[in-house]
Amino acid sequence: MVINEMYEQTVEQLRGRFDARELRMVLDVMNGVFLEPHTVETAVVADIADSFQLYPGVYDIKFCKVYIRR
């Protein structure tokens, strides 16, 4: 399967499940990660959970534009 076809299929499968900000966050977290078909579901969830734990608040600020003013 050609990479463009894989991309199009992935976009179609995810359409309506996430909003644009959520998808950008997932792409940011998973940037540079090579996934095998049998590890996609568990790896994506684990990597996102790890990123939220390691960098608390970073993704809220970066993708949701939530700023705390002091």
PDB file of N, CA and C in Angstrom:
ATOM      1  N   MET A   1       0.843  -1.180   0.000  1.00  0.00           N
ATOM      2  CA  MET A   1       0.000   0.000   0.000  1.00  0.00           C
ATOM      3  C   MET A   1       0.889   1.244   0.000  1.00  0.00           C
ATOM      4  N   VAL A   2       0.543   2.192  -0.764  1.00  0.00           N
ATOM      5  CA  VAL A   2       1.299   3.424  -0.881  1.00  0.00           C
ATOM      6  C   VAL A   2       0.975   4.318   0.312  1.00  0.00           C
ATOM      7  N   ILE A   3       1.965   5.101   0.746  1.00  0.00           N
ATOM      8  CA  ILE A   3       1.798   5.945   1.931  1.00  0.00           C
ATOM      9  C   ILE A   3       0.628   6.916   1.789  1.00  0.00           C
ATOM     10  N   ASN A   4       0.408   7.451   0.600  1.00  0.00           N
ATOM     11  CA  ASN A   4      -0.725   8.366   0.391  1.00  0.00           C
ATOM     12  C   ASN A   4      -2.060   7.676   0.619  1.00  0.00           C
ATOM     13  N   GLU A   5      -2.159   6.438   0.181  1.00  0.00           N
ATOM     14  CA  GLU A   5      -3.395   5.674   0.394  1.00  0.00           C
ATOM     15  C   GLU A   5      -3.605   5.412   1.873  1.00  0.00           C
ATOM     16  N   MET A   6      -2.533   5.082   2.584  1.00  0.00           N
ATOM     17  CA  MET A   6      -2.624   4.841   4.024  1.00  0.00           C
ATOM     18  C   MET A   6      -3.071   6.109   4.743  1.00  0.00           C
ATOM     19  N   TYR A   7      -2.523   7.237   4.348  1.00  0.00           N
ATOM     20  CA  TYR A   7      -2.885   8.516   4.944  1.00  0.00           C
ATOM     21  C   TYR A   7      -4.368   8.797   4.742  1.00  0.00           C
ATOM     22  N   GLU A   8      -4.830   8.649   3.511  1.00  0.00           N
ATOM     23  CA  GLU A   8      -6.235   8.920   3.196  1.00  0.00           C
ATOM     24  C   GLU A   8      -7.168   8.006   3.981  1.00  0.00           C
ATOM     25  N   GLN A   9      -6.816   6.739   4.085  1.00  0.00           N
ATOM     26  CA  GLN A   9      -7.642   5.799   4.847  1.00  0.00           C
ATOM     27  C   GLN A   9      -7.681   6.172   6.322  1.00  0.00           C
ATOM     28  N   THR A  10      -6.548   6.583   6.854  1.00  0.00           N
ATOM     29  CA  THR A  10      -6.484   6.979   8.259  1.00  0.00           C
ATOM     30  C   THR A  10      -7.343   8.202   8.518  1.00  0.00           C
ATOM     31  N   VAL A  11      -7.244   9.193   7.655  1.00  0.00           N
ATOM     32  CA  VAL A  11      -8.049  10.406   7.806  1.00  0.00           C
ATOM     33  C   VAL A  11      -9.535  10.053   7.756  1.00  0.00           C
ATOM     34  N   GLU A  12      -9.930   9.199   6.843  1.00  0.00           N
ATOM     35  CA  GLU A  12     -11.335   8.808   6.733  1.00  0.00           C
ATOM     36  C   GLU A  12     -11.809   8.086   7.988  1.00  0.00           C
ATOM     37  N   GLN A  13     -10.978   7.202   8.538  1.00  0.00           N
ATOM     38  CA  GLN A  13     -11.351   6.454   9.735  1.00  0.00           C
ATOM     39  C   GLN A  13     -11.481   7.359  10.956  1.00  0.00           C
ATOM     40  N   LEU A  14     -10.690   8.430  11.008  1.00  0.00           N
ATOM     41  CA  LEU A  14     -10.708   9.324  12.162  1.00  0.00           C
ATOM     42  C   LEU A  14     -11.686  10.476  12.024  1.00  0.00           C
ATOM     43  N   ARG A  15     -12.182  10.701  10.830  1.00  0.00           N
ATOM     44  CA  ARG A  15     -13.091  11.825  10.591  1.00  0.00           C
ATOM     45  C   ARG A  15     -14.308  11.720  11.518  1.00  0.00           C
ATOM     46  N   GLY A  16     -14.582  12.781  12.228  1.00  0.00           N
ATOM     47  CA  GLY A  16     -15.731  12.817  13.117  1.00  0.00           C
ATOM     48  C   GLY A  16     -15.470  12.288  14.518  1.00  0.00           C
ATOM     49  N   ARG A  17     -14.351  11.627  14.728  1.00  0.00           N
ATOM     50  CA  ARG A  17     -14.041  11.097  16.054  1.00  0.00           C
ATOM     51  C   ARG A  17     -13.307  12.112  16.927  1.00  0.00           C
ATOM     52  N   PHE A  18     -12.527  12.971  16.295  1.00  0.00           N
ATOM     53  CA  PHE A  18     -11.749  13.969  17.007  1.00  0.00           C
ATOM     54  C   PHE A  18     -11.934  15.317  16.330  1.00  0.00           C
ATOM     55  N   ASP A  19     -11.790  16.384  17.116  1.00  0.00           N
ATOM     56  CA  ASP A  19     -11.812  17.690  16.464  1.00  0.00           C
ATOM     57  C   ASP A  19     -10.397  18.010  15.973  1.00  0.00           C
ATOM     58  N   ALA A  20     -10.266  19.104  15.244  1.00  0.00           N
ATOM     59  CA  ALA A  20      -8.985  19.444  14.617  1.00  0.00           C
ATOM     60  C   ALA A  20      -7.866  19.612  15.646  1.00  0.00           C
ATOM     61  N   ARG A  21      -8.180  20.231  16.789  1.00  0.00           N
ATOM     62  CA  ARG A  21      -7.149  20.425  17.818  1.00  0.00           C
ATOM     63  C   ARG A  21      -6.655  19.100  18.371  1.00  0.00           C
ATOM     64  N   GLU A  22      -7.571  18.173  18.590  1.00  0.00           N
ATOM     65  CA  GLU A  22      -7.186  16.863  19.112  1.00  0.00           C
ATOM     66  C   GLU A  22      -6.304  16.121  18.110  1.00  0.00           C
ATOM     67  N   LEU A  23      -6.665  16.170  16.846  1.00  0.00           N
ATOM     68  CA  LEU A  23      -5.860  15.499  15.829  1.00  0.00           C
ATOM     69  C   LEU A  23      -4.462  16.106  15.727  1.00  0.00           C
ATOM     70  N   ARG A  24      -4.364  17.434  15.804  1.00  0.00           N
ATOM     71  CA  ARG A  24      -3.041  18.073  15.763  1.00  0.00           C
ATOM     72  C   ARG A  24      -2.202  17.647  16.965  1.00  0.00           C
ATOM     73  N   MET A  25      -2.838  17.510  18.124  1.00  0.00           N
ATOM     74  CA  MET A  25      -2.123  17.080  19.320  1.00  0.00           C
ATOM     75  C   MET A  25      -1.592  15.650  19.151  1.00  0.00           C
ATOM     76  N   VAL A  26      -2.422  14.768  18.643  1.00  0.00           N
ATOM     77  CA  VAL A  26      -1.991  13.382  18.421  1.00  0.00           C
ATOM     78  C   VAL A  26      -0.827  13.346  17.439  1.00  0.00           C
ATOM     79  N   LEU A  27      -0.924  14.093  16.356  1.00  0.00           N
ATOM     80  CA  LEU A  27       0.159  14.131  15.371  1.00  0.00           C
ATOM     81  C   LEU A  27       1.444  14.686  15.978  1.00  0.00           C
ATOM     82  N   ASP A  28       1.323  15.672  16.842  1.00  0.00           N
ATOM     83  CA  ASP A  28       2.495  16.246  17.494  1.00  0.00           C
ATOM     84  C   ASP A  28       3.158  15.228  18.417  1.00  0.00           C
ATOM     85  N   VAL A  29       2.360  14.558  19.224  1.00  0.00           N
ATOM     86  CA  VAL A  29       2.897  13.561  20.159  1.00  0.00           C
ATOM     87  C   VAL A  29       3.549  12.407  19.396  1.00  0.00           C
ATOM     88  N   MET A  30       2.928  11.987  18.316  1.00  0.00           N
ATOM     89  CA  MET A  30       3.396  10.801  17.591  1.00  0.00           C
ATOM     90  C   MET A  30       4.385  11.128  16.473  1.00  0.00           C
ATOM     91  N   ASN A  31       4.792  12.377  16.353  1.00  0.00           N
ATOM     92  CA  ASN A  31       5.736  12.776  15.314  1.00  0.00           C
ATOM     93  C   ASN A  31       7.032  11.964  15.419  1.00  0.00           C
ATOM     94  N   GLY A  32       7.408  11.332  14.343  1.00  0.00           N
ATOM     95  CA  GLY A  32       8.654  10.575  14.305  1.00  0.00           C
ATOM     96  C   GLY A  32       8.547   9.155  14.829  1.00  0.00           C
ATOM     97  N   VAL A  33       7.363   8.726  15.219  1.00  0.00           N
ATOM     98  CA  VAL A  33       7.167   7.385  15.758  1.00  0.00           C
ATOM     99  C   VAL A  33       6.739   6.453  14.631  1.00  0.00           C
ATOM    100  N   PHE A  34       7.423   5.324  14.527  1.00  0.00           N
ATOM    101  CA  PHE A  34       7.045   4.312  13.542  1.00  0.00           C
ATOM    102  C   PHE A  34       6.182   3.278  14.246  1.00  0.00           C
ATOM    103  N   LEU A  35       5.004   3.034  13.727  1.00  0.00           N
ATOM    104  CA  LEU A  35       4.078   2.088  14.343  1.00  0.00           C
ATOM    105  C   LEU A  35       3.830   0.900  13.436  1.00  0.00           C
ATOM    106  N   GLU A  36       3.705  -0.236  14.038  1.00  0.00           N
ATOM    107  CA  GLU A  36       3.287  -1.444  13.331  1.00  0.00           C
ATOM    108  C   GLU A  36       1.763  -1.537  13.459  1.00  0.00           C
ATOM    109  N   PRO A  37       1.094  -2.118  12.485  1.00  0.00           N
ATOM    110  CA  PRO A  37      -0.372  -2.184  12.547  1.00  0.00           C
ATOM    111  C   PRO A  37      -0.908  -2.804  13.837  1.00  0.00           C
ATOM    112  N   HIS A  38      -0.220  -3.799  14.373  1.00  0.00           N
ATOM    113  CA  HIS A  38      -0.716  -4.472  15.575  1.00  0.00           C
ATOM    114  C   HIS A  38      -0.430  -3.698  16.868  1.00  0.00           C
ATOM    115  N   THR A  39       0.333  -2.611  16.800  1.00  0.00           N
ATOM    116  CA  THR A  39       0.641  -1.835  18.007  1.00  0.00           C
ATOM    117  C   THR A  39       0.031  -0.440  18.005  1.00  0.00           C
ATOM    118  N   VAL A  40      -0.679  -0.086  16.947  1.00  0.00           N
ATOM    119  CA  VAL A  40      -1.179   1.281  16.809  1.00  0.00           C
ATOM    120  C   VAL A  40      -2.043   1.694  17.993  1.00  0.00           C
ATOM    121  N   GLU A  41      -3.071   0.935  18.291  1.00  0.00           N
ATOM    122  CA  GLU A  41      -4.014   1.350  19.329  1.00  0.00           C
ATOM    123  C   GLU A  41      -3.354   1.509  20.694  1.00  0.00           C
ATOM    124  N   THR A  42      -2.571   0.541  21.105  1.00  0.00           N
ATOM    125  CA  THR A  42      -1.968   0.623  22.438  1.00  0.00           C
ATOM    126  C   THR A  42      -0.837   1.637  22.490  1.00  0.00           C
ATOM    127  N   ALA A  43      -0.057   1.747  21.441  1.00  0.00           N
ATOM    128  CA  ALA A  43       1.079   2.676  21.441  1.00  0.00           C
ATOM    129  C   ALA A  43       0.621   4.122  21.441  1.00  0.00           C
ATOM    130  N   VAL A  44      -0.380   4.450  20.668  1.00  0.00           N
ATOM    131  CA  VAL A  44      -0.856   5.832  20.603  1.00  0.00           C
ATOM    132  C   VAL A  44      -1.412   6.252  21.965  1.00  0.00           C
ATOM    133  N   VAL A  45      -2.239   5.421  22.553  1.00  0.00           N
ATOM    134  CA  VAL A  45      -2.811   5.743  23.861  1.00  0.00           C
ATOM    135  C   VAL A  45      -1.707   5.881  24.909  1.00  0.00           C
ATOM    136  N   ALA A  46      -0.759   4.954  24.917  1.00  0.00           N
ATOM    137  CA  ALA A  46       0.332   4.992  25.901  1.00  0.00           C
ATOM    138  C   ALA A  46       1.225   6.216  25.698  1.00  0.00           C
ATOM    139  N   ASP A  47       1.562   6.527  24.456  1.00  0.00           N
ATOM    140  CA  ASP A  47       2.432   7.678  24.188  1.00  0.00           C
ATOM    141  C   ASP A  47       1.756   9.001  24.558  1.00  0.00           C
ATOM    142  N   ILE A  48       0.473   9.109  24.299  1.00  0.00           N
ATOM    143  CA  ILE A  48      -0.244  10.334  24.668  1.00  0.00           C
ATOM    144  C   ILE A  48      -0.327  10.450  26.185  1.00  0.00           C
ATOM    145  N   ALA A  49      -0.643   9.363  26.856  1.00  0.00           N
ATOM    146  CA  ALA A  49      -0.700   9.393  28.322  1.00  0.00           C
ATOM    147  C   ALA A  49       0.659   9.768  28.908  1.00  0.00           C
ATOM    148  N   ASP A  50       1.729   9.194  28.378  1.00  0.00           N
ATOM    149  CA  ASP A  50       3.075   9.535  28.848  1.00  0.00           C
ATOM    150  C   ASP A  50       3.387  11.011  28.619  1.00  0.00           C
ATOM    151  N   SER A  51       3.018  11.522  27.459  1.00  0.00           N
ATOM    152  CA  SER A  51       3.289  12.926  27.146  1.00  0.00           C
ATOM    153  C   SER A  51       2.544  13.863  28.091  1.00  0.00           C
ATOM    154  N   PHE A  52       1.306  13.533  28.410  1.00  0.00           N
ATOM    155  CA  PHE A  52       0.539  14.360  29.340  1.00  0.00           C
ATOM    156  C   PHE A  52       1.159  14.322  30.731  1.00  0.00           C
ATOM    157  N   GLN A  53       1.675  13.169  31.114  1.00  0.00           N
ATOM    158  CA  GLN A  53       2.290  13.045  32.439  1.00  0.00           C
ATOM    159  C   GLN A  53       3.648  13.745  32.484  1.00  0.00           C
ATOM    160  N   LEU A  54       4.434  13.598  31.439  1.00  0.00           N
ATOM    161  CA  LEU A  54       5.763  14.205  31.411  1.00  0.00           C
ATOM    162  C   LEU A  54       5.727  15.719  31.232  1.00  0.00           C
ATOM    163  N   TYR A  55       4.741  16.205  30.485  1.00  0.00           N
ATOM    164  CA  TYR A  55       4.652  17.635  30.174  1.00  0.00           C
ATOM    165  C   TYR A  55       3.266  18.169  30.531  1.00  0.00           C
ATOM    166  N   PRO A  56       2.938  18.219  31.823  1.00  0.00           N
ATOM    167  CA  PRO A  56       1.590  18.643  32.215  1.00  0.00           C
ATOM    168  C   PRO A  56       1.274  20.072  31.753  1.00  0.00           C
ATOM    169  N   GLY A  57       0.129  20.218  31.126  1.00  0.00           N
ATOM    170  CA  GLY A  57      -0.340  21.523  30.685  1.00  0.00           C
ATOM    171  C   GLY A  57       0.175  21.986  29.341  1.00  0.00           C
ATOM    172  N   VAL A  58       1.237  21.383  28.854  1.00  0.00           N
ATOM    173  CA  VAL A  58       1.845  21.844  27.599  1.00  0.00           C
ATOM    174  C   VAL A  58       0.877  21.690  26.424  1.00  0.00           C
ATOM    175  N   TYR A  59       0.214  20.574  26.332  1.00  0.00           N
ATOM    176  CA  TYR A  59      -0.673  20.347  25.191  1.00  0.00           C
ATOM    177  C   TYR A  59      -1.950  21.165  25.303  1.00  0.00           C
ATOM    178  N   ASP A  60      -2.401  21.434  26.527  1.00  0.00           N
ATOM    179  CA  ASP A  60      -3.546  22.326  26.707  1.00  0.00           C
ATOM    180  C   ASP A  60      -3.224  23.699  26.147  1.00  0.00           C
ATOM    181  N   ILE A  61      -2.062  24.202  26.483  1.00  0.00           N
ATOM    182  CA  ILE A  61      -1.659  25.530  26.029  1.00  0.00           C
ATOM    183  C   ILE A  61      -1.412  25.539  24.526  1.00  0.00           C
ATOM    184  N   LYS A  62      -0.709  24.535  24.044  1.00  0.00           N
ATOM    185  CA  LYS A  62      -0.311  24.516  22.641  1.00  0.00           C
ATOM    186  C   LYS A  62      -1.492  24.328  21.685  1.00  0.00           C
ATOM    187  N   PHE A  63      -2.430  23.461  22.040  1.00  0.00           N
ATOM    188  CA  PHE A  63      -3.491  23.120  21.098  1.00  0.00           C
ATOM    189  C   PHE A  63      -4.868  23.656  21.465  1.00  0.00           C
ATOM    190  N   CYS A  64      -5.090  23.964  22.718  1.00  0.00           N
ATOM    191  CA  CYS A  64      -6.405  24.460  23.121  1.00  0.00           C
ATOM    192  C   CYS A  64      -6.378  25.938  23.440  1.00  0.00           C
ATOM    193  N   LYS A  65      -5.193  26.515  23.433  1.00  0.00           N
ATOM    194  CA  LYS A  65      -5.048  27.944  23.704  1.00  0.00           C
ATOM    195  C   LYS A  65      -5.616  28.333  25.060  1.00  0.00           C
ATOM    196  N   VAL A  66      -5.386  27.469  26.050  1.00  0.00           N
ATOM    197  CA  VAL A  66      -5.823  27.745  27.409  1.00  0.00           C
ATOM    198  C   VAL A  66      -4.646  28.362  28.142  1.00  0.00           C
ATOM    199  N   TYR A  67      -4.761  29.618  28.487  1.00  0.00           N
ATOM    200  CA  TYR A  67      -3.690  30.319  29.171  1.00  0.00           C
ATOM    201  C   TYR A  67      -4.161  30.715  30.558  1.00  0.00           C
ATOM    202  N   ILE A  68      -3.306  30.545  31.521  1.00  0.00           N
ATOM    203  CA  ILE A  68      -3.619  30.950  32.889  1.00  0.00           C
ATOM    204  C   ILE A  68      -2.894  32.257  33.143  1.00  0.00           C
ATOM    205  N   ARG A  69      -3.646  33.287  33.446  1.00  0.00           N
ATOM    206  CA  ARG A  69      -3.041  34.589  33.718  1.00  0.00           C
ATOM    207  C   ARG A  69      -2.894  34.761  35.211  1.00  0.00           C
ATOM    208  N   ARG A  70      -1.766  35.296  35.606  1.00  0.00           N
ATOM    209  CA  ARG A  70      -1.512  35.522  37.038  1.00  0.00           C
ATOM    210  C   ARG A  70      -1.359  36.979  37.292  1.00  0.00           C
TER     211      ARG A  70
END
